[in-house]
Amino acid sequence: MPVAARTGALAITVRPWAKVWLNERYLGVTPYLADLAVGAYTLRLSNDAFGKVETRRIAIAADQTTRIDLRWTDNQPDALQ
């Protein structure tokens, strides 16, 4: 009997919004929520209107939600909330 792949969730909120890429694959815009296979990924978020681009490595753990919550404005540096 095959073993089911272990999964976790990725939840991303960026204010005002961002385009989402995971391992160079475009997935859509924020807010974003998806179940992913456990493992390491390269996440890229961008908003051309605000001139913001952020790339980071993330890890998805089994049965857990990885949350990213960013607030991008014209005059503030990128920051995790």
PDB file of N, CA and C in Angstrom:
ATOM      1  N   MET A   1       0.853  -1.177   0.000  1.00  0.00           N
ATOM      2  CA  MET A   1       0.000   0.000   0.000  1.00  0.00           C
ATOM      3  C   MET A   1       0.895   1.236   0.000  1.00  0.00           C
ATOM      4  N   PRO A   2       0.689   2.182  -0.952  1.00  0.00           N
ATOM      5  CA  PRO A   2       1.534   3.369  -1.017  1.00  0.00           C
ATOM      6  C   PRO A   2       1.312   4.274   0.184  1.00  0.00           C
ATOM      7  N   VAL A   3       2.390   4.929   0.595  1.00  0.00           N
ATOM      8  CA  VAL A   3       2.323   5.881   1.705  1.00  0.00           C
ATOM      9  C   VAL A   3       1.998   7.255   1.135  1.00  0.00           C
ATOM     10  N   ALA A   4       1.039   7.940   1.735  1.00  0.00           N
ATOM     11  CA  ALA A   4       0.664   9.281   1.289  1.00  0.00           C
ATOM     12  C   ALA A   4       1.804  10.254   1.580  1.00  0.00           C
ATOM     13  N   ALA A   5       2.024  11.180   0.662  1.00  0.00           N
ATOM     14  CA  ALA A   5       3.059  12.198   0.861  1.00  0.00           C
ATOM     15  C   ALA A   5       2.668  13.090   2.030  1.00  0.00           C
ATOM     16  N   ARG A   6       3.646  13.432   2.828  1.00  0.00           N
ATOM     17  CA  ARG A   6       3.396  14.336   3.955  1.00  0.00           C
ATOM     18  C   ARG A   6       3.273  15.753   3.421  1.00  0.00           C
ATOM     19  N   THR A   7       2.337  16.495   3.981  1.00  0.00           N
ATOM     20  CA  THR A   7       2.105  17.860   3.520  1.00  0.00           C
ATOM     21  C   THR A   7       2.022  18.828   4.691  1.00  0.00           C
ATOM     22  N   GLY A   8       2.209  20.084   4.355  1.00  0.00           N
ATOM     23  CA  GLY A   8       2.008  21.204   5.267  1.00  0.00           C
ATOM     24  C   GLY A   8       1.380  22.308   4.448  1.00  0.00           C
ATOM     25  N   ALA A   9       1.077  23.419   5.076  1.00  0.00           N
ATOM     26  CA  ALA A   9       0.414  24.520   4.372  1.00  0.00           C
ATOM     27  C   ALA A   9       1.322  25.739   4.305  1.00  0.00           C
ATOM     28  N   LEU A  10       1.105  26.549   3.268  1.00  0.00           N
ATOM     29  CA  LEU A  10       1.766  27.834   3.115  1.00  0.00           C
ATOM     30  C   LEU A  10       0.681  28.896   3.017  1.00  0.00           C
ATOM     31  N   ALA A  11       0.737  29.883   3.912  1.00  0.00           N
ATOM     32  CA  ALA A  11      -0.232  30.980   3.922  1.00  0.00           C
ATOM     33  C   ALA A  11       0.539  32.295   3.810  1.00  0.00           C
ATOM     34  N   ILE A  12       0.260  33.061   2.764  1.00  0.00           N
ATOM     35  CA  ILE A  12       0.974  34.312   2.521  1.00  0.00           C
ATOM     36  C   ILE A  12      -0.025  35.459   2.426  1.00  0.00           C
ATOM     37  N   THR A  13       0.256  36.512   3.179  1.00  0.00           N
ATOM     38  CA  THR A  13      -0.503  37.756   3.085  1.00  0.00           C
ATOM     39  C   THR A  13       0.502  38.884   2.882  1.00  0.00           C
ATOM     40  N   VAL A  14       0.300  39.681   1.849  1.00  0.00           N
ATOM     41  CA  VAL A  14       1.125  40.862   1.617  1.00  0.00           C
ATOM     42  C   VAL A  14       0.183  42.023   1.386  1.00  0.00           C
ATOM     43  N   ARG A  15       0.404  43.111   2.122  1.00  0.00           N
ATOM     44  CA  ARG A  15      -0.404  44.303   1.926  1.00  0.00           C
ATOM     45  C   ARG A  15       0.455  45.350   1.258  1.00  0.00           C
ATOM     46  N   PRO A  16       0.051  45.883   0.054  1.00  0.00           N
ATOM     47  CA  PRO A  16      -1.274  45.711  -0.512  1.00  0.00           C
ATOM     48  C   PRO A  16      -1.468  44.368  -1.229  1.00  0.00           C
ATOM     49  N   TRP A  17      -0.465  43.842  -1.952  1.00  0.00           N
ATOM     50  CA  TRP A  17      -0.567  42.549  -2.624  1.00  0.00           C
ATOM     51  C   TRP A  17       0.795  42.214  -3.210  1.00  0.00           C
ATOM     52  N   ALA A  18       0.961  40.967  -3.613  1.00  0.00           N
ATOM     53  CA  ALA A  18       2.186  40.545  -4.294  1.00  0.00           C
ATOM     54  C   ALA A  18       1.893  39.365  -5.202  1.00  0.00           C
ATOM     55  N   LYS A  19       2.678  39.254  -6.266  1.00  0.00           N
ATOM     56  CA  LYS A  19       2.677  38.062  -7.097  1.00  0.00           C
ATOM     57  C   LYS A  19       3.515  37.011  -6.382  1.00  0.00           C
ATOM     58  N   VAL A  20       3.143  35.738  -6.517  1.00  0.00           N
ATOM     59  CA  VAL A  20       3.797  34.645  -5.794  1.00  0.00           C
ATOM     60  C   VAL A  20       4.417  33.660  -6.774  1.00  0.00           C
ATOM     61  N   TRP A  21       5.717  33.362  -6.579  1.00  0.00           N
ATOM     62  CA  TRP A  21       6.408  32.314  -7.318  1.00  0.00           C
ATOM     63  C   TRP A  21       6.994  31.347  -6.311  1.00  0.00           C
ATOM     64  N   LEU A  22       6.931  30.087  -6.608  1.00  0.00           N
ATOM     65  CA  LEU A  22       7.530  29.055  -5.765  1.00  0.00           C
ATOM     66  C   LEU A  22       8.407  28.190  -6.659  1.00  0.00           C
ATOM     67  N   ASN A  23       9.701  28.149  -6.350  1.00  0.00           N
ATOM     68  CA  ASN A  23      10.671  27.434  -7.201  1.00  0.00           C
ATOM     69  C   ASN A  23      10.535  27.853  -8.662  1.00  0.00           C
ATOM     70  N   GLU A  24      10.452  29.173  -8.891  1.00  0.00           N
ATOM     71  CA  GLU A  24      10.389  29.766 -10.235  1.00  0.00           C
ATOM     72  C   GLU A  24       9.077  29.505 -10.976  1.00  0.00           C
ATOM     73  N   ARG A  25       8.074  28.954 -10.305  1.00  0.00           N
ATOM     74  CA  ARG A  25       6.766  28.705 -10.928  1.00  0.00           C
ATOM     75  C   ARG A  25       5.760  29.725 -10.410  1.00  0.00           C
ATOM     76  N   TYR A  26       5.148  30.489 -11.312  1.00  0.00           N
ATOM     77  CA  TYR A  26       4.160  31.492 -10.919  1.00  0.00           C
ATOM     78  C   TYR A  26       2.898  30.808 -10.416  1.00  0.00           C
ATOM     79  N   LEU A  27       2.437  31.232  -9.222  1.00  0.00           N
ATOM     80  CA  LEU A  27       1.276  30.593  -8.611  1.00  0.00           C
ATOM     81  C   LEU A  27       0.055  31.497  -8.495  1.00  0.00           C
ATOM     82  N   GLY A  28       0.235  32.813  -8.621  1.00  0.00           N
ATOM     83  CA  GLY A  28      -0.904  33.719  -8.484  1.00  0.00           C
ATOM     84  C   GLY A  28      -0.538  34.913  -7.619  1.00  0.00           C
ATOM     85  N   VAL A  29      -1.557  35.516  -7.017  1.00  0.00           N
ATOM     86  CA  VAL A  29      -1.346  36.694  -6.181  1.00  0.00           C
ATOM     87  C   VAL A  29      -1.838  36.427  -4.763  1.00  0.00           C
ATOM     88  N   THR A  30      -1.368  37.274  -3.845  1.00  0.00           N
ATOM     89  CA  THR A  30      -1.789  37.159  -2.452  1.00  0.00           C
ATOM     90  C   THR A  30      -3.165  37.795  -2.289  1.00  0.00           C
ATOM     91  N   PRO A  31      -3.935  37.344  -1.297  1.00  0.00           N
ATOM     92  CA  PRO A  31      -3.579  36.310  -0.321  1.00  0.00           C
ATOM     93  C   PRO A  31      -3.482  34.940  -0.995  1.00  0.00           C
ATOM     94  N   TYR A  32      -2.570  34.122  -0.479  1.00  0.00           N
ATOM     95  CA  TYR A  32      -2.296  32.822  -1.072  1.00  0.00           C
ATOM     96  C   TYR A  32      -2.305  31.764   0.022  1.00  0.00           C
ATOM     97  N   LEU A  33      -2.968  30.649  -0.242  1.00  0.00           N
ATOM     98  CA  LEU A  33      -3.009  29.533   0.702  1.00  0.00           C
ATOM     99  C   LEU A  33      -2.988  28.237  -0.098  1.00  0.00           C
ATOM    100  N   ALA A  34      -2.062  27.339   0.253  1.00  0.00           N
ATOM    101  CA  ALA A  34      -1.978  26.067  -0.457  1.00  0.00           C
ATOM    102  C   ALA A  34      -1.337  25.013   0.422  1.00  0.00           C
ATOM    103  N   ASP A  35      -1.704  23.761   0.175  1.00  0.00           N
ATOM    104  CA  ASP A  35      -1.028  22.622   0.783  1.00  0.00           C
ATOM    105  C   ASP A  35       0.127  22.238  -0.129  1.00  0.00           C
ATOM    106  N   LEU A  36       1.294  21.994   0.480  1.00  0.00           N
ATOM    107  CA  LEU A  36       2.490  21.653  -0.283  1.00  0.00           C
ATOM    108  C   LEU A  36       3.146  20.425   0.321  1.00  0.00           C
ATOM    109  N   ALA A  37       3.907  19.727  -0.498  1.00  0.00           N
ATOM    110  CA  ALA A  37       4.700  18.612   0.013  1.00  0.00           C
ATOM    111  C   ALA A  37       5.757  19.143   0.978  1.00  0.00           C
ATOM    112  N   VAL A  38       6.057  18.369   1.992  1.00  0.00           N
ATOM    113  CA  VAL A  38       7.088  18.746   2.962  1.00  0.00           C
ATOM    114  C   VAL A  38       8.404  18.941   2.223  1.00  0.00           C
ATOM    115  N   GLY A  39       9.145  20.001   2.592  1.00  0.00           N
ATOM    116  CA  GLY A  39      10.450  20.239   1.977  1.00  0.00           C
ATOM    117  C   GLY A  39      10.818  21.703   1.968  1.00  0.00           C
ATOM    118  N   ALA A  40      11.940  21.989   1.302  1.00  0.00           N
ATOM    119  CA  ALA A  40      12.460  23.355   1.190  1.00  0.00           C
ATOM    120  C   ALA A  40      12.097  23.915  -0.180  1.00  0.00           C
ATOM    121  N   TYR A  41      11.783  25.198  -0.211  1.00  0.00           N
ATOM    122  CA  TYR A  41      11.369  25.878  -1.430  1.00  0.00           C
ATOM    123  C   TYR A  41      12.008  27.255  -1.499  1.00  0.00           C
ATOM    124  N   THR A  42      12.108  27.790  -2.724  1.00  0.00           N
ATOM    125  CA  THR A  42      12.490  29.186  -2.914  1.00  0.00           C
ATOM    126  C   THR A  42      11.217  29.957  -3.234  1.00  0.00           C
ATOM    127  N   LEU A  43      10.911  30.936  -2.401  1.00  0.00           N
ATOM    128  CA  LEU A  43       9.719  31.767  -2.547  1.00  0.00           C
ATOM    129  C   LEU A  43      10.133  33.140  -3.042  1.00  0.00           C
ATOM    130  N   ARG A  44       9.444  33.632  -4.072  1.00  0.00           N
ATOM    131  CA  ARG A  44       9.673  35.000  -4.537  1.00  0.00           C
ATOM    132  C   ARG A  44       8.345  35.728  -4.536  1.00  0.00           C
ATOM    133  N   LEU A  45       8.348  36.919  -3.973  1.00  0.00           N
ATOM    134  CA  LEU A  45       7.173  37.785  -3.929  1.00  0.00           C
ATOM    135  C   LEU A  45       7.544  39.086  -4.619  1.00  0.00           C
ATOM    136  N   SER A  46       6.623  39.636  -5.419  1.00  0.00           N
ATOM    137  CA  SER A  46       6.934  40.906  -6.079  1.00  0.00           C
ATOM    138  C   SER A  46       5.669  41.731  -6.283  1.00  0.00           C
ATOM    139  N   ASN A  47       5.879  43.043  -6.296  1.00  0.00           N
ATOM    140  CA  ASN A  47       4.818  44.003  -6.594  1.00  0.00           C
ATOM    141  C   ASN A  47       5.483  45.111  -7.397  1.00  0.00           C
ATOM    142  N   ASP A  48       5.273  45.122  -8.714  1.00  0.00           N
ATOM    143  CA  ASP A  48       5.909  46.103  -9.587  1.00  0.00           C
ATOM    144  C   ASP A  48       5.493  47.529  -9.249  1.00  0.00           C
ATOM    145  N   ALA A  49       4.247  47.734  -8.847  1.00  0.00           N
ATOM    146  CA  ALA A  49       3.744  49.073  -8.536  1.00  0.00           C
ATOM    147  C   ALA A  49       4.494  49.693  -7.362  1.00  0.00           C
ATOM    148  N   PHE A  50       4.936  48.880  -6.410  1.00  0.00           N
ATOM    149  CA  PHE A  50       5.675  49.368  -5.249  1.00  0.00           C
ATOM    150  C   PHE A  50       7.178  49.172  -5.408  1.00  0.00           C
ATOM    151  N   GLY A  51       7.604  48.540  -6.499  1.00  0.00           N
ATOM    152  CA  GLY A  51       9.022  48.308  -6.708  1.00  0.00           C
ATOM    153  C   GLY A  51       9.622  47.354  -5.688  1.00  0.00           C
ATOM    154  N   LYS A  52       8.825  46.392  -5.238  1.00  0.00           N
ATOM    155  CA  LYS A  52       9.267  45.452  -4.203  1.00  0.00           C
ATOM    156  C   LYS A  52       9.456  44.065  -4.791  1.00  0.00           C
ATOM    157  N   VAL A  53      10.552  43.437  -4.413  1.00  0.00           N
ATOM    158  CA  VAL A  53      10.815  42.044  -4.749  1.00  0.00           C
ATOM    159  C   VAL A  53      11.520  41.433  -3.555  1.00  0.00           C
ATOM    160  N   GLU A  54      11.057  40.293  -3.116  1.00  0.00           N
ATOM    161  CA  GLU A  54      11.694  39.597  -1.999  1.00  0.00           C
ATOM    162  C   GLU A  54      11.797  38.121  -2.346  1.00  0.00           C
ATOM    163  N   THR A  55      12.979  37.572  -2.135  1.00  0.00           N
ATOM    164  CA  THR A  55      13.209  36.142  -2.354  1.00  0.00           C
ATOM    165  C   THR A  55      13.755  35.558  -1.067  1.00  0.00           C
ATOM    166  N   ARG A  56      13.239  34.410  -0.689  1.00  0.00           N
ATOM    167  CA  ARG A  56      13.717  33.744   0.529  1.00  0.00           C
ATOM    168  C   ARG A  56      13.512  32.247   0.426  1.00  0.00           C
ATOM    169  N   ARG A  57      14.275  31.513   1.198  1.00  0.00           N
ATOM    170  CA  ARG A  57      14.096  30.066   1.317  1.00  0.00           C
ATOM    171  C   ARG A  57      13.094  29.825   2.438  1.00  0.00           C
ATOM    172  N   ILE A  58      12.154  28.926   2.193  1.00  0.00           N
ATOM    173  CA  ILE A  58      11.189  28.563   3.224  1.00  0.00           C
ATOM    174  C   ILE A  58      11.182  27.048   3.373  1.00  0.00           C
ATOM    175  N   ALA A  59      10.731  26.595   4.518  1.00  0.00           N
ATOM    176  CA  ALA A  59      10.603  25.161   4.777  1.00  0.00           C
ATOM    177  C   ALA A  59       9.152  24.862   5.132  1.00  0.00           C
ATOM    178  N   ILE A  60       8.615  23.833   4.503  1.00  0.00           N
ATOM    179  CA  ILE A  60       7.265  23.371   4.811  1.00  0.00           C
ATOM    180  C   ILE A  60       7.402  22.118   5.660  1.00  0.00           C
ATOM    181  N   ALA A  61       6.803  22.157   6.839  1.00  0.00           N
ATOM    182  CA  ALA A  61       6.862  21.030   7.773  1.00  0.00           C
ATOM    183  C   ALA A  61       5.526  20.292   7.770  1.00  0.00           C
ATOM    184  N   ALA A  62       5.584  19.017   8.040  1.00  0.00           N
ATOM    185  CA  ALA A  62       4.383  18.178   8.039  1.00  0.00           C
ATOM    186  C   ALA A  62       3.362  18.674   9.052  1.00  0.00           C
ATOM    187  N   ASP A  63       2.125  18.767   8.605  1.00  0.00           N
ATOM    188  CA  ASP A  63       0.989  19.106   9.465  1.00  0.00           C
ATOM    189  C   ASP A  63       1.117  20.468  10.142  1.00  0.00           C
ATOM    190  N   GLN A  64       1.886  21.376   9.547  1.00  0.00           N
ATOM    191  CA  GLN A  64       2.041  22.729  10.086  1.00  0.00           C
ATOM    192  C   GLN A  64       1.793  23.741   8.979  1.00  0.00           C
ATOM    193  N   THR A  65       1.469  24.977   9.384  1.00  0.00           N
ATOM    194  CA  THR A  65       1.280  26.074   8.433  1.00  0.00           C
ATOM    195  C   THR A  65       2.442  27.044   8.553  1.00  0.00           C
ATOM    196  N   THR A  66       3.134  27.272   7.453  1.00  0.00           N
ATOM    197  CA  THR A  66       4.164  28.308   7.377  1.00  0.00           C
ATOM    198  C   THR A  66       3.462  29.583   6.965  1.00  0.00           C
ATOM    199  N   ARG A  67       3.560  30.620   7.804  1.00  0.00           N
ATOM    200  CA  ARG A  67       2.856  31.881   7.551  1.00  0.00           C
ATOM    201  C   ARG A  67       3.851  32.996   7.247  1.00  0.00           C
ATOM    202  N   ILE A  68       3.534  33.763   6.219  1.00  0.00           N
ATOM    203  CA  ILE A  68       4.320  34.941   5.869  1.00  0.00           C
ATOM    204  C   ILE A  68       3.337  36.091   5.774  1.00  0.00           C
ATOM    205  N   ASP A  69       3.610  37.147   6.536  1.00  0.00           N
ATOM    206  CA  ASP A  69       2.719  38.309   6.593  1.00  0.00           C
ATOM    207  C   ASP A  69       3.579  39.554   6.432  1.00  0.00           C
ATOM    208  N   LEU A  70       3.452  40.228   5.288  1.00  0.00           N
ATOM    209  CA  LEU A  70       4.255  41.412   4.990  1.00  0.00           C
ATOM    210  C   LEU A  70       3.359  42.611   4.734  1.00  0.00           C
ATOM    211  N   ARG A  71       3.876  43.771   5.085  1.00  0.00           N
ATOM    212  CA  ARG A  71       3.199  45.035   4.768  1.00  0.00           C
ATOM    213  C   ARG A  71       4.201  45.878   3.993  1.00  0.00           C
ATOM    214  N   TRP A  72       3.925  46.094   2.711  1.00  0.00           N
ATOM    215  CA  TRP A  72       4.807  46.887   1.861  1.00  0.00           C
ATOM    216  C   TRP A  72       4.187  48.256   1.640  1.00  0.00           C
ATOM    217  N   THR A  73       4.967  49.292   1.889  1.00  0.00           N
ATOM    218  CA  THR A  73       4.534  50.658   1.603  1.00  0.00           C
ATOM    219  C   THR A  73       5.660  51.357   0.859  1.00  0.00           C
ATOM    220  N   ASP A  74       5.378  52.546   0.354  1.00  0.00           N
ATOM    221  CA  ASP A  74       6.386  53.308  -0.409  1.00  0.00           C
ATOM    222  C   ASP A  74       7.590  53.671   0.436  1.00  0.00           C
ATOM    223  N   ASN A  75       7.398  53.914   1.737  1.00  0.00           N
ATOM    224  CA  ASN A  75       8.485  54.464   2.532  1.00  0.00           C
ATOM    225  C   ASN A  75       8.961  53.573   3.671  1.00  0.00           C
ATOM    226  N   GLN A  76       8.573  52.330   3.695  1.00  0.00           N
ATOM    227  CA  GLN A  76       9.017  51.437   4.754  1.00  0.00           C
ATOM    228  C   GLN A  76       9.802  50.288   4.161  1.00  0.00           C
ATOM    229  N   PRO A  77      10.845  49.846   4.877  1.00  0.00           N
ATOM    230  CA  PRO A  77      11.557  48.654   4.407  1.00  0.00           C
ATOM    231  C   PRO A  77      10.686  47.420   4.576  1.00  0.00           C
ATOM    232  N   ASP A  78      11.011  46.371   3.840  1.00  0.00           N
ATOM    233  CA  ASP A  78      10.299  45.097   3.974  1.00  0.00           C
ATOM    234  C   ASP A  78      10.496  44.576   5.383  1.00  0.00           C
ATOM    235  N   ALA A  79       9.468  43.971   5.946  1.00  0.00           N
ATOM    236  CA  ALA A  79       9.579  43.445   7.302  1.00  0.00           C
ATOM    237  C   ALA A  79       8.594  42.304   7.500  1.00  0.00           C
ATOM    238  N   LEU A  80       8.991  41.363   8.295  1.00  0.00           N
ATOM    239  CA  LEU A  80       8.055  40.318   8.721  1.00  0.00           C
ATOM    240  C   LEU A  80       7.222  40.884   9.852  1.00  0.00           C
ATOM    241  N   GLN A  81       5.967  40.609   9.846  1.00  0.00           N
ATOM    242  CA  GLN A  81       5.076  41.074  10.921  1.00  0.00           C
ATOM    243  C   GLN A  81       4.975  40.011  11.986  1.00  0.00           C
TER     244      GLN A  81
END
